[in-house]
C-alpha atoms as a PDB file:
ATOM      1  CA  MET A   1      16.646 -41.229 -40.688  1.00  0.00           C
ATOM      2  CA  ALA A   2      16.711 -43.386 -37.649  1.00  0.00           C
ATOM      3  CA  GLU A   3      19.923 -45.351 -38.759  1.00  0.00           C
ATOM      4  CA  ARG A   4      21.899 -42.235 -39.068  1.00  0.00           C
ATOM      5  CA  LYS A   5      21.180 -41.043 -35.412  1.00  0.00           C
ATOM      6  CA  VAL A   6      23.505 -43.547 -33.687  1.00  0.00           C
ATOM      7  CA  LEU A   7      23.486 -43.124 -29.852  1.00  0.00           C
ATOM      8  CA  ASN A   8      25.763 -46.197 -29.076  1.00  0.00           C
ATOM      9  CA  LYS A   9      29.482 -46.573 -30.325  1.00  0.00           C
ATOM     10  CA  TYR A  10      31.248 -49.700 -30.908  1.00  0.00           C
ATOM     11  CA  PHE A  11      34.006 -50.260 -28.422  1.00  0.00           C
ATOM     12  CA  PRO A  12      36.684 -52.948 -29.098  1.00  0.00           C
ATOM     13  CA  PRO A  13      37.245 -55.727 -26.139  1.00  0.00           C
ATOM     14  CA  ASP A  14      40.860 -54.266 -25.935  1.00  0.00           C
ATOM     15  CA  PHE A  15      40.001 -50.682 -25.269  1.00  0.00           C
ATOM     16  CA  ASP A  16      41.740 -49.249 -22.602  1.00  0.00           C
ATOM     17  CA  PRO A  17      40.868 -45.386 -22.053  1.00  0.00           C
ATOM     18  CA  ASP A  18      44.221 -44.869 -19.874  1.00  0.00           C
ATOM     19  CA  LEU A  19      46.107 -45.251 -23.173  1.00  0.00           C
ATOM     20  CA  ILE A  20      44.510 -42.535 -24.809  1.00  0.00           C
ATOM     21  CA  PRO A  21      46.988 -39.290 -24.522  1.00  0.00           C
ATOM     22  CA  ARG A  22      45.627 -36.270 -23.048  1.00  0.00           C
ATOM     23  CA  ARG A  23      45.569 -33.117 -24.665  1.00  0.00           C
ATOM     24  CA  ARG A  24      47.349 -30.541 -23.016  1.00  0.00           C
ATOM     25  CA  GLY A  25      46.489 -26.974 -23.673  1.00  0.00           C
ATOM     26  CA  PRO A  26      47.375 -23.186 -22.156  1.00  0.00           C
ATOM     27  CA  LYS A  27      45.995 -22.832 -18.378  1.00  0.00           C
ATOM     28  CA  ASN A  28      44.359 -19.730 -19.670  1.00  0.00           C
ATOM     29  CA  SER A  29      43.348 -20.343 -22.911  1.00  0.00           C
ATOM     30  CA  GLN A  30      40.763 -17.663 -24.497  1.00  0.00           C
ATOM     31  CA  GLN A  31      37.557 -18.656 -25.613  1.00  0.00           C
ATOM     32  CA  VAL A  32      35.537 -17.158 -28.480  1.00  0.00           C
ATOM     33  CA  VAL A  33      32.121 -15.846 -27.343  1.00  0.00           C
ATOM     34  CA  ARG A  34      29.270 -14.063 -29.024  1.00  0.00           C
ATOM     35  CA  LEU A  35      28.012 -10.949 -26.981  1.00  0.00           C
ATOM     36  CA  MET A  36      26.944  -7.272 -27.099  1.00  0.00           C
ATOM     37  CA  ALA A  37      28.397  -4.034 -26.213  1.00  0.00           C
ATOM     38  CA  PRO A  38      27.984  -3.565 -22.402  1.00  0.00           C
ATOM     39  CA  PHE A  39      28.473   0.023 -22.818  1.00  0.00           C
ATOM     40  CA  SER A  40      28.533   2.695 -25.494  1.00  0.00           C
ATOM     41  CA  MET A  41      31.939   3.857 -26.307  1.00  0.00           C
ATOM     42  CA  ARG A  42      34.338   5.440 -28.610  1.00  0.00           C
ATOM     43  CA  CYS A  43      37.450   4.093 -30.257  1.00  0.00           C
ATOM     44  CA  ASN A  44      40.558   5.769 -29.531  1.00  0.00           C
ATOM     45  CA  THR A  45      42.262   5.164 -32.945  1.00  0.00           C
ATOM     46  CA  CYS A  46      39.663   6.218 -35.265  1.00  0.00           C
ATOM     47  CA  GLY A  47      37.155   8.107 -33.080  1.00  0.00           C
ATOM     48  CA  GLU A  48      34.246   5.621 -34.159  1.00  0.00           C
ATOM     49  CA  TYR A  49      31.458   5.584 -31.658  1.00  0.00           C
ATOM     50  CA  ILE A  50      29.965   1.967 -30.924  1.00  0.00           C
ATOM     51  CA  TYR A  51      26.613   1.926 -29.240  1.00  0.00           C
ATOM     52  CA  LYS A  52      25.397  -0.127 -26.379  1.00  0.00           C
ATOM     53  CA  GLY A  53      24.150  -3.437 -27.750  1.00  0.00           C
ATOM     54  CA  LYS A  54      26.202  -3.882 -30.949  1.00  0.00           C
ATOM     55  CA  LYS A  55      26.935  -7.687 -31.187  1.00  0.00           C
ATOM     56  CA  PHE A  56      30.524  -8.763 -31.641  1.00  0.00           C
ATOM     57  CA  ASN A  57      32.192 -12.251 -32.248  1.00  0.00           C
ATOM     58  CA  ALA A  58      34.813 -11.525 -28.737  1.00  0.00           C
ATOM     59  CA  ARG A  59      37.485 -13.471 -26.830  1.00  0.00           C
ATOM     60  CA  LYS A  60      37.039 -14.256 -23.465  1.00  0.00           C
ATOM     61  CA  GLU A  61      39.527 -14.668 -20.814  1.00  0.00           C
ATOM     62  CA  THR A  62      40.146 -15.170 -16.990  1.00  0.00           C
ATOM     63  CA  VAL A  63      42.054 -12.239 -15.734  1.00  0.00           C
ATOM     64  CA  ASP A  64      44.975 -13.827 -13.567  1.00  0.00           C
ATOM     65  CA  GLY A  65      45.530 -12.542  -9.880  1.00  0.00           C
ATOM     66  CA  GLU A  66      42.241 -10.401  -9.891  1.00  0.00           C
ATOM     67  CA  ASP A  67      39.257 -11.383  -8.202  1.00  0.00           C
ATOM     68  CA  TYR A  68      36.329  -9.650  -5.938  1.00  0.00           C
ATOM     69  CA  TYR A  69      35.617 -11.883  -2.551  1.00  0.00           C
ATOM     70  CA  GLY A  70      36.231 -15.047  -4.902  1.00  0.00           C
ATOM     71  CA  ILE A  71      34.644 -14.209  -7.855  1.00  0.00           C
ATOM     72  CA  LYS A  72      36.342 -13.808 -11.082  1.00  0.00           C
ATOM     73  CA  ILE A  73      37.085 -11.447 -13.185  1.00  0.00           C
ATOM     74  CA  PHE A  74      36.864 -11.956 -17.353  1.00  0.00           C
ATOM     75  CA  ARG A  75      38.450  -9.844 -19.762  1.00  0.00           C
ATOM     76  CA  PHE A  76      36.556  -9.489 -23.303  1.00  0.00           C
ATOM     77  CA  TYR A  77      38.641  -8.910 -26.600  1.00  0.00           C
ATOM     78  CA  ILE A  78      36.763  -7.103 -29.791  1.00  0.00           C
ATOM     79  CA  LYS A  79      38.015  -5.182 -32.640  1.00  0.00           C
ATOM     80  CA  CYS A  80      36.450  -1.804 -33.827  1.00  0.00           C
ATOM     81  CA  THR A  81      33.856  -1.951 -36.590  1.00  0.00           C
ATOM     82  CA  LEU A  82      35.745   0.594 -38.627  1.00  0.00           C
ATOM     83  CA  CYS A  83      39.671   0.612 -38.069  1.00  0.00           C
ATOM     84  CA  SER A  84      39.613  -3.369 -36.462  1.00  0.00           C
ATOM     85  CA  ALA A  85      41.639  -1.920 -33.571  1.00  0.00           C
ATOM     86  CA  GLU A  86      41.475  -4.247 -30.500  1.00  0.00           C
ATOM     87  CA  ILE A  87      39.371  -2.901 -27.624  1.00  0.00           C
ATOM     88  CA  THR A  88      39.539  -4.622 -24.311  1.00  0.00           C
ATOM     89  CA  PHE A  89      36.954  -4.069 -21.076  1.00  0.00           C
ATOM     90  CA  LYS A  90      36.627  -6.561 -18.392  1.00  0.00           C
ATOM     91  CA  THR A  91      33.890  -7.393 -15.858  1.00  0.00           C
ATOM     92  CA  ASP A  92      33.280  -5.066 -12.313  1.00  0.00           C
ATOM     93  CA  PRO A  93      31.546  -7.298  -9.691  1.00  0.00           C
ATOM     94  CA  LYS A  94      32.004  -4.345  -7.273  1.00  0.00           C
ATOM     95  CA  ASN A  95      29.500  -2.241  -8.901  1.00  0.00           C
ATOM     96  CA  THR A  96      27.886  -4.750 -10.923  1.00  0.00           C
ATOM     97  CA  ASP A  97      29.116  -3.212 -14.250  1.00  0.00           C
ATOM     98  CA  TYR A  98      31.629  -3.346 -16.729  1.00  0.00           C
ATOM     99  CA  ALA A  99      35.135  -1.326 -17.213  1.00  0.00           C
ATOM    100  CA  ALA A 100      36.539  -0.039 -20.195  1.00  0.00           C
ATOM    101  CA  GLU A 101      40.196  -1.042 -20.033  1.00  0.00           C
ATOM    102  CA  HIS A 102      42.163  -0.671 -23.194  1.00  0.00           C
ATOM    103  CA  GLY A 103      41.568   0.734 -26.818  1.00  0.00           C
ATOM    104  CA  ALA A 104      38.406   3.026 -26.357  1.00  0.00           C
ATOM    105  CA  SER A 105      37.285   5.466 -23.791  1.00  0.00           C
ATOM    106  CA  ARG A 106      33.669   4.928 -22.351  1.00  0.00           C
ATOM    107  CA  ASN A 107      31.022   7.901 -23.052  1.00  0.00           C
ATOM    108  CA  PHE A 108      29.911  10.186 -20.388  1.00  0.00           C
ATOM    109  CA  GLU A 109      27.012   8.929 -18.649  1.00  0.00           C
ATOM    110  CA  PRO A 110      25.491  11.555 -16.585  1.00  0.00           C
ATOM    111  CA  TRP A 111      23.210   9.245 -14.374  1.00  0.00           C
ATOM    112  CA  ARG A 112      26.587   7.769 -13.332  1.00  0.00           C
ATOM    113  CA  ASP A 113      28.057  10.912 -12.150  1.00  0.00           C
ATOM    114  CA  GLU A 114      24.641  11.734 -10.164  1.00  0.00           C
ATOM    115  CA  GLN A 115      25.174   8.534  -8.370  1.00  0.00           C
ATOM    116  CA  GLU A 116      28.642   9.010  -7.446  1.00  0.00           C
ATOM    117  CA  THR A 117      27.590  12.626  -6.131  1.00  0.00           C
ATOM    118  CA  GLU A 118      24.531  11.068  -4.202  1.00  0.00           C
ATOM    119  CA  GLU A 119      26.878   8.541  -2.595  1.00  0.00           C
ATOM    120  CA  ILE A 120      29.506  11.120  -1.904  1.00  0.00           C
ATOM    121  CA  ASP A 121      27.066  13.505  -0.266  1.00  0.00           C
ATOM    122  CA  ARG A 122      25.528  10.230   1.486  1.00  0.00           C
ATOM    123  CA  LEU A 123      28.508   9.471   3.419  1.00  0.00           C
ATOM    124  CA  ALA A 124      29.566  12.868   4.202  1.00  0.00           C
ATOM    125  CA  LYS A 125      26.432  13.710   5.987  1.00  0.00           C
ATOM    126  CA  LEU A 126      26.475  10.303   7.954  1.00  0.00           C
ATOM    127  CA  GLU A 127      30.007  11.653   9.117  1.00  0.00           C
ATOM    128  CA  GLU A 128      28.706  15.216   9.971  1.00  0.00           C
ATOM    129  CA  GLU A 129      25.749  13.766  12.022  1.00  0.00           C
ATOM    130  CA  GLU A 130      28.445  11.772  14.011  1.00  0.00           C
ATOM    131  CA  ASN A 131      30.077  14.418  15.228  1.00  0.00           C
ATOM    132  CA  ASN A 132      27.472  17.194  15.357  1.00  0.00           C
ATOM    133  CA  PRO A 133      24.080  15.905  17.380  1.00  0.00           C
ATOM    134  CA  MET A 134      22.300  19.496  16.460  1.00  0.00           C
ATOM    135  CA  LYS A 135      22.976  18.668  12.545  1.00  0.00           C
ATOM    136  CA  VAL A 136      21.211  15.264  13.034  1.00  0.00           C
ATOM    137  CA  LEU A 137      18.060  17.379  14.530  1.00  0.00           C
ATOM    138  CA  GLU A 138      18.355  19.508  11.380  1.00  0.00           C
ATOM    139  CA  ASN A 139      18.497  17.145   8.998  1.00  0.00           C
ATOM    140  CA  ARG A 140      15.668  14.881  10.489  1.00  0.00           C
ATOM    141  CA  THR A 141      13.159  18.050  10.667  1.00  0.00           C
ATOM    142  CA  THR A 142      14.388  18.764   7.001  1.00  0.00           C
ATOM    143  CA  ASP A 143      13.412  15.069   6.054  1.00  0.00           C
ATOM    144  CA  SER A 144      10.088  15.545   7.794  1.00  0.00           C
ATOM    145  CA  LYS A 145       9.155  18.869   5.810  1.00  0.00           C
ATOM    146  CA  ARG A 146      10.363  17.254   2.595  1.00  0.00           C
ATOM    147  CA  GLU A 147       7.853  14.317   3.434  1.00  0.00           C
ATOM    148  CA  MET A 148       4.970  16.406   4.339  1.00  0.00           C
ATOM    149  CA  ASP A 149       5.378  18.009   1.032  1.00  0.00           C
ATOM    150  CA  ILE A 150       5.395  15.156  -0.684  1.00  0.00           C
ATOM    151  CA  LEU A 151       2.276  13.938   1.017  1.00  0.00           C
ATOM    152  CA  ASP A 152       0.601  17.320   0.442  1.00  0.00           C
ATOM    153  CA  ALA A 153       1.232  16.972  -3.383  1.00  0.00           C
ATOM    154  CA  LEU A 154      -0.040  13.584  -3.684  1.00  0.00           C
ATOM    155  CA  GLN A 155      -3.254  14.190  -1.811  1.00  0.00           C
ATOM    156  CA  ASP A 156      -3.641  17.066  -4.290  1.00  0.00           C
ATOM    157  CA  ILE A 157      -2.993  14.754  -7.124  1.00  0.00           C
ATOM    158  CA  ARG A 158      -5.344  12.577  -6.281  1.00  0.00           C
ATOM    159  CA  ALA A 159      -8.253  15.145  -5.297  1.00  0.00           C
ATOM    160  CA  ARG A 160      -7.576  16.431  -9.173  1.00  0.00           C
ATOM    161  CA  ASN A 161      -7.613  12.724 -10.229  1.00  0.00           C
ATOM    162  CA  ALA A 162     -11.399  11.849  -8.481  1.00  0.00           C
ATOM    163  CA  ARG A 163     -12.308  15.548  -9.456  1.00  0.00           C
ATOM    164  CA  ASN A 164     -11.543  14.386 -13.255  1.00  0.00           C
ATOM    165  CA  GLU A 165     -12.853  10.978 -12.759  1.00  0.00           C
ATOM    166  CA  ARG A 166     -16.181  12.308 -11.299  1.00  0.00           C
ATOM    167  CA  VAL A 167     -16.552  15.047 -13.946  1.00  0.00           C
ATOM    168  CA  GLY A 168     -15.617  12.463 -16.766  1.00  0.00           C
ATOM    169  CA  ASN A 169     -18.536   9.925 -15.380  1.00  0.00           C
ATOM    170  CA  THR A 170     -21.261  12.194 -14.536  1.00  0.00           C
ATOM    171  CA  THR A 171     -24.064  10.325 -16.271  1.00  0.00           C
ATOM    172  CA  SER A 172     -22.719   6.986 -14.404  1.00  0.00           C
ATOM    173  CA  VAL A 173     -22.484   8.576 -11.374  1.00  0.00           C
ATOM    174  CA  ASP A 174     -25.982  10.491 -11.316  1.00  0.00           C
ATOM    175  CA  LEU A 175     -27.633   6.999 -12.219  1.00  0.00           C
ATOM    176  CA  LEU A 176     -25.731   4.959  -9.433  1.00  0.00           C
ATOM    177  CA  ALA A 177     -26.795   7.632  -7.023  1.00  0.00           C
ATOM    178  CA  ARG A 178     -30.578   7.454  -8.377  1.00  0.00           C
ATOM    179  CA  ILE A 179     -30.796   4.331  -8.521  1.00  0.00           C
ATOM    180  CA  GLY A 180     -29.361   4.038  -4.725  1.00  0.00           C
ATOM    181  CA  ILE A 181     -31.820   6.690  -3.677  1.00  0.00           C
ATOM    182  CA  GLU A 182     -34.834   4.712  -5.077  1.00  0.00           C
ATOM    183  CA  GLU A 183     -33.470   1.776  -3.092  1.00  0.00           C
ATOM    184  CA  LEU A 184     -33.359   3.673   0.020  1.00  0.00           C
ATOM    185  CA  GLU A 185     -36.517   5.153  -0.393  1.00  0.00           C
ATOM    186  CA  ASN A 186     -38.190   1.792  -1.060  1.00  0.00           C
ATOM    187  CA  GLU A 187     -36.531   0.174   2.052  1.00  0.00           C
ATOM    188  CA  GLU A 188     -37.707   3.149   4.173  1.00  0.00           C
ATOM    189  CA  ASP A 189     -41.591   2.871   2.655  1.00  0.00           C
ATOM    190  CA  LEU A 190     -41.518  -0.621   3.477  1.00  0.00           C
ATOM    191  CA  GLU A 191     -39.912  -0.268   6.827  1.00  0.00           C
ATOM    192  CA  ARG A 192     -42.717   2.551   7.631  1.00  0.00           C
ATOM    193  CA  LYS A 193     -45.462   0.301   6.271  1.00  0.00           C
ATOM    194  CA  ARG A 194     -44.468  -2.416   8.256  1.00  0.00           C
ATOM    195  CA  MET A 195     -44.236  -0.317  11.547  1.00  0.00           C
ATOM    196  CA  GLU A 196     -47.436   1.091  10.870  1.00  0.00           C
ATOM    197  CA  GLU A 197     -49.143  -2.556  10.608  1.00  0.00           C
ATOM    198  CA  GLU A 198     -47.618  -3.288  13.934  1.00  0.00           C
ATOM    199  CA  ASP A 199     -49.059  -0.305  15.550  1.00  0.00           C
ATOM    200  CA  GLU A 200     -52.478  -0.980  13.847  1.00  0.00           C
ATOM    201  CA  GLN A 201     -52.205  -4.387  15.183  1.00  0.00           C
ATOM    202  CA  GLN A 202     -51.267  -3.335  19.015  1.00  0.00           C
ATOM    203  CA  VAL A 203     -54.174  -0.858  18.930  1.00  0.00           C
ATOM    204  CA  ARG A 204     -56.664  -3.573  17.819  1.00  0.00           C
ATOM    205  CA  GLU A 205     -55.464  -5.921  20.891  1.00  0.00           C
ATOM    206  CA  VAL A 206     -55.623  -3.107  23.390  1.00  0.00           C
ATOM    207  CA  PHE A 207     -59.206  -0.996  22.174  1.00  0.00           C
ATOM    208  CA  SER A 208     -62.465  -2.449  20.917  1.00  0.00           C
ATOM    209  CA  LYS A 209     -65.140  -0.815  19.606  1.00  0.00           C
ATOM    210  CA  VAL A 210     -69.039  -0.942  20.936  1.00  0.00           C
ATOM    211  CA  THR A 211     -72.259   0.293  19.222  1.00  0.00           C
ATOM    212  CA  MET A 212     -74.382   2.255  21.841  1.00  0.00           C
ATOM    213  CA  PRO A 213     -78.133   3.379  21.332  1.00  0.00           C
ATOM    214  CA  THR A 214     -78.559   7.150  21.582  1.00  0.00           C
ATOM    215  CA  ALA A 215     -80.160   8.788  24.574  1.00  0.00           C
ATOM    216  CA  SER A 216     -83.431  10.111  22.475  1.00  0.00           C
ATOM    217  CA  SER A 217     -83.964   6.762  20.887  1.00  0.00           C
ATOM    218  CA  SER A 218     -87.099   4.614  22.242  1.00  0.00           C
ATOM    219  CA  SER A 219     -88.172   1.448  21.676  1.00  0.00           C
ATOM    220  CA  THR A 220     -91.299   2.229  19.679  1.00  0.00           C
ATOM    221  CA  PRO A 221     -90.645   1.686  15.975  1.00  0.00           C
ATOM    222  CA  PRO A 222     -90.315   5.337  14.370  1.00  0.00           C
ATOM    223  CA  THR A 223     -93.249   6.523  12.324  1.00  0.00           C
ATOM    224  CA  ASP A 224     -93.444   7.844   9.039  1.00  0.00           C
ATOM    225  CA  GLY A 225     -91.508  10.772   8.345  1.00  0.00           C
ATOM    226  CA  GLU A 226     -89.545  10.597  11.627  1.00  0.00           C
ATOM    227  CA  GLU A 227     -85.510  10.446  11.126  1.00  0.00           C
ATOM    228  CA  VAL A 228     -84.084   7.502  12.761  1.00  0.00           C
ATOM    229  CA  PRO A 229     -81.270   8.587  15.158  1.00  0.00           C
ATOM    230  CA  ALA A 230     -77.706   6.791  14.182  1.00  0.00           C
ATOM    231  CA  PRO A 231     -75.995   4.751  17.067  1.00  0.00           C
ATOM    232  CA  THR A 232     -73.220   5.865  18.589  1.00  0.00           C
ATOM    233  CA  VAL A 233     -69.970   4.093  18.439  1.00  0.00           C
ATOM    234  CA  VAL A 234     -68.300   3.708  21.633  1.00  0.00           C
ATOM    235  CA  THR A 235     -64.031   2.997  21.946  1.00  0.00           C
ATOM    236  CA  ILE A 236     -63.313   1.202  24.824  1.00  0.00           C
ATOM    237  CA  LYS A 237     -60.199   0.055  26.431  1.00  0.00           C
ATOM    238  CA  ARG A 238     -59.726  -3.585  27.316  1.00  0.00           C
ATOM    239  CA  LYS A 239     -57.911  -4.568  30.606  1.00  0.00           C
ATOM    240  CA  ALA A 240     -54.599  -6.131  31.292  1.00  0.00           C
ATOM    241  CA  ASP A 241     -56.516  -9.606  32.227  1.00  0.00           C
ATOM    242  CA  ASP A 242     -58.141  -9.177  28.699  1.00  0.00           C
ATOM    243  CA  MET A 243     -61.562  -8.703  30.614  1.00  0.00           C
ATOM    244  CA  GLU A 244     -63.928  -6.255  28.613  1.00  0.00           C
ATOM    245  CA  PRO A 245     -65.823  -4.039  31.230  1.00  0.00           C
ATOM    246  CA  SER A 246     -69.610  -3.481  31.433  1.00  0.00           C
ATOM    247  CA  LEU A 247     -71.028  -1.182  29.174  1.00  0.00           C
ATOM    248  CA  HIS A 248     -73.597   0.369  31.689  1.00  0.00           C
ATOM    249  CA  SER A 249     -70.393   1.256  33.566  1.00  0.00           C
ATOM    250  CA  LEU A 250     -68.910   2.981  31.154  1.00  0.00           C
ATOM    251  CA  LEU A 251     -71.813   5.901  30.618  1.00  0.00           C
ATOM    252  CA  PRO A 252     -72.172   8.719  32.536  1.00  0.00           C
ATOM    253  CA  ASP A 253     -74.772   9.223  35.302  1.00  0.00           C
ATOM    254  CA  SER A 254     -77.317  11.089  33.157  1.00  0.00           C
ATOM    255  CA  ALA A 255     -77.398   8.405  30.403  1.00  0.00           C
ATOM    256  CA  ARG A 256     -77.277   5.652  33.102  1.00  0.00           C
ATOM    257  CA  SER A 257     -80.552   7.386  34.574  1.00  0.00           C
ATOM    258  CA  LEU A 258     -81.984   7.950  31.265  1.00  0.00           C
ATOM    259  CA  ILE A 259     -81.567   4.493  30.085  1.00  0.00           C
ATOM    260  CA  THR A 260     -83.183   3.004  33.699  1.00  0.00           C
ATOM    261  CA  SER A 261     -86.239   5.467  33.386  1.00  0.00           C
ATOM    262  CA  LYS A 262     -86.405   4.198  29.644  1.00  0.00           C
ATOM    263  CA  THR A 263     -86.192   0.596  30.522  1.00  0.00           C
ATOM    264  CA  ASN A 264     -89.003   1.252  33.585  1.00  0.00           C
ATOM    265  CA  ALA A 265     -91.319   2.921  31.123  1.00  0.00           C
ATOM    266  CA  ILE A 266     -90.924   0.098  28.867  1.00  0.00           C
ATOM    267  CA  HIS A 267     -91.974  -2.902  31.571  1.00  0.00           C
ATOM    268  CA  THR A 268     -94.536  -0.569  33.163  1.00  0.00           C
ATOM    269  CA  ALA A 269     -96.320  -0.320  29.228  1.00  0.00           C
ATOM    270  CA  LYS A 270     -95.702  -3.766  28.683  1.00  0.00           C
ATOM    271  CA  LYS A 271     -97.827  -4.477  32.059  1.00  0.00           C
ATOM    272  CA  ALA A 272    -100.594  -2.233  31.445  1.00  0.00           C
ATOM    273  CA  LYS A 273    -100.840  -3.963  28.117  1.00  0.00           C
ATOM    274  CA  THR A 274    -100.989  -7.468  29.769  1.00  0.00           C
ATOM    275  CA  ASP A 275    -103.671  -6.371  32.213  1.00  0.00           C
ATOM    276  CA  SER A 276    -106.040  -4.526  29.514  1.00  0.00           C
ATOM    277  CA  GLY A 277    -105.671  -7.908  27.480  1.00  0.00           C
ATOM    278  CA  LYS A 278    -106.967  -9.897  30.533  1.00  0.00           C
ATOM    279  CA  LYS A 279    -109.703  -7.676  31.287  1.00  0.00           C
ATOM    280  CA  SER A 280    -110.392  -7.721  27.857  1.00  0.00           C
ATOM    281  CA  LEU A 281    -111.118 -11.666  27.945  1.00  0.00           C
ATOM    282  CA  GLY A 282    -113.338 -11.386  31.297  1.00  0.00           C
ATOM    283  CA  ILE A 283    -110.069 -12.627  33.717  1.00  0.00           C
ATOM    284  CA  VAL A 284    -110.020 -10.751  36.821  1.00  0.00           C
ATOM    285  CA  MET A 285    -106.707 -11.853  38.737  1.00  0.00           C
ATOM    286  CA  LYS A 286    -107.221 -11.314  42.752  1.00  0.00           C
ATOM    287  CA  LYS A 287    -104.224 -11.385  45.162  1.00  0.00           C
ATOM    288  CA  GLY A 288    -104.441 -14.181  48.023  1.00  0.00           C
ATOM    289  CA  LYS A 289    -106.703 -16.281  45.783  1.00  0.00           C
ATOM    290  CA  GLY A 290    -105.182 -19.232  43.839  1.00  0.00           C
ATOM    291  CA  LYS A 291    -107.436 -19.099  40.829  1.00  0.00           C
ATOM    292  CA  ALA A 292    -108.993 -16.445  38.401  1.00  0.00           C
ATOM    293  CA  VAL A 293    -112.388 -15.640  38.438  1.00  0.00           C
ATOM    294  CA  ALA A 294    -114.446 -15.167  35.570  1.00  0.00           C
ATOM    295  CA  ALA A 295    -115.792 -11.223  35.116  1.00  0.00           C
ATOM    296  CA  LYS A 296    -119.495 -10.828  35.483  1.00  0.00           C
END
């Protein structure tokens, strides 16, 4: 297979390309091309309808003496599928379309008439606005009202679509809402717990609790059957310099006097007990003398 695909040609040593005669053809020669019908048409000879997109073997040529800002215009020759009558049409660069020329008539296309009517109305409106300032104001008011109506209609459509979406996705929306609420509650609980811990820590730093004996309690041990009074817990507040006040200064006057009397009674009882013990041993202490005398 490789020897059949020869890429190089043999040129003899005495080959001169200038000696080859030039072929002279017509200036505007036609070319055979394959194309599709650019629009639907009807044959003027037999009345056959040719739909848009039907394929033809056509002849193409350049139109002499016609162009659009330097753009060439081409003419195409096709034959009717029924009677073989010749049909011609050419390009229309101005309107970016094709124009029927001979042998067939273009079918009615409503959208083309609508575009032409809109273009005529637009030109007439611009001409009228140039000569009448009040007409300009009226047109602007009308355009604004139309835009507002369009926006209102669009908003209604969006609201309707959103409502339909909510109705269609009720389960998923409820689930997502429930999950969001639970997460929010968990976050709130954690935040509340953290704040409570901070408050408790601050209270512990400022206040301290001290256990105090009750006023009715005595230094003597309780006898059998006697109820032991529970100690009283007093909360004291620390100063700013972190120095705790004395417990005695925090008590009321009545409690302070009671504690003083109890303390004196305890000291008196201890002294009497010591003196009685010494007398029982036969030792008498006399003031003014530096030694003890044995009792007789």
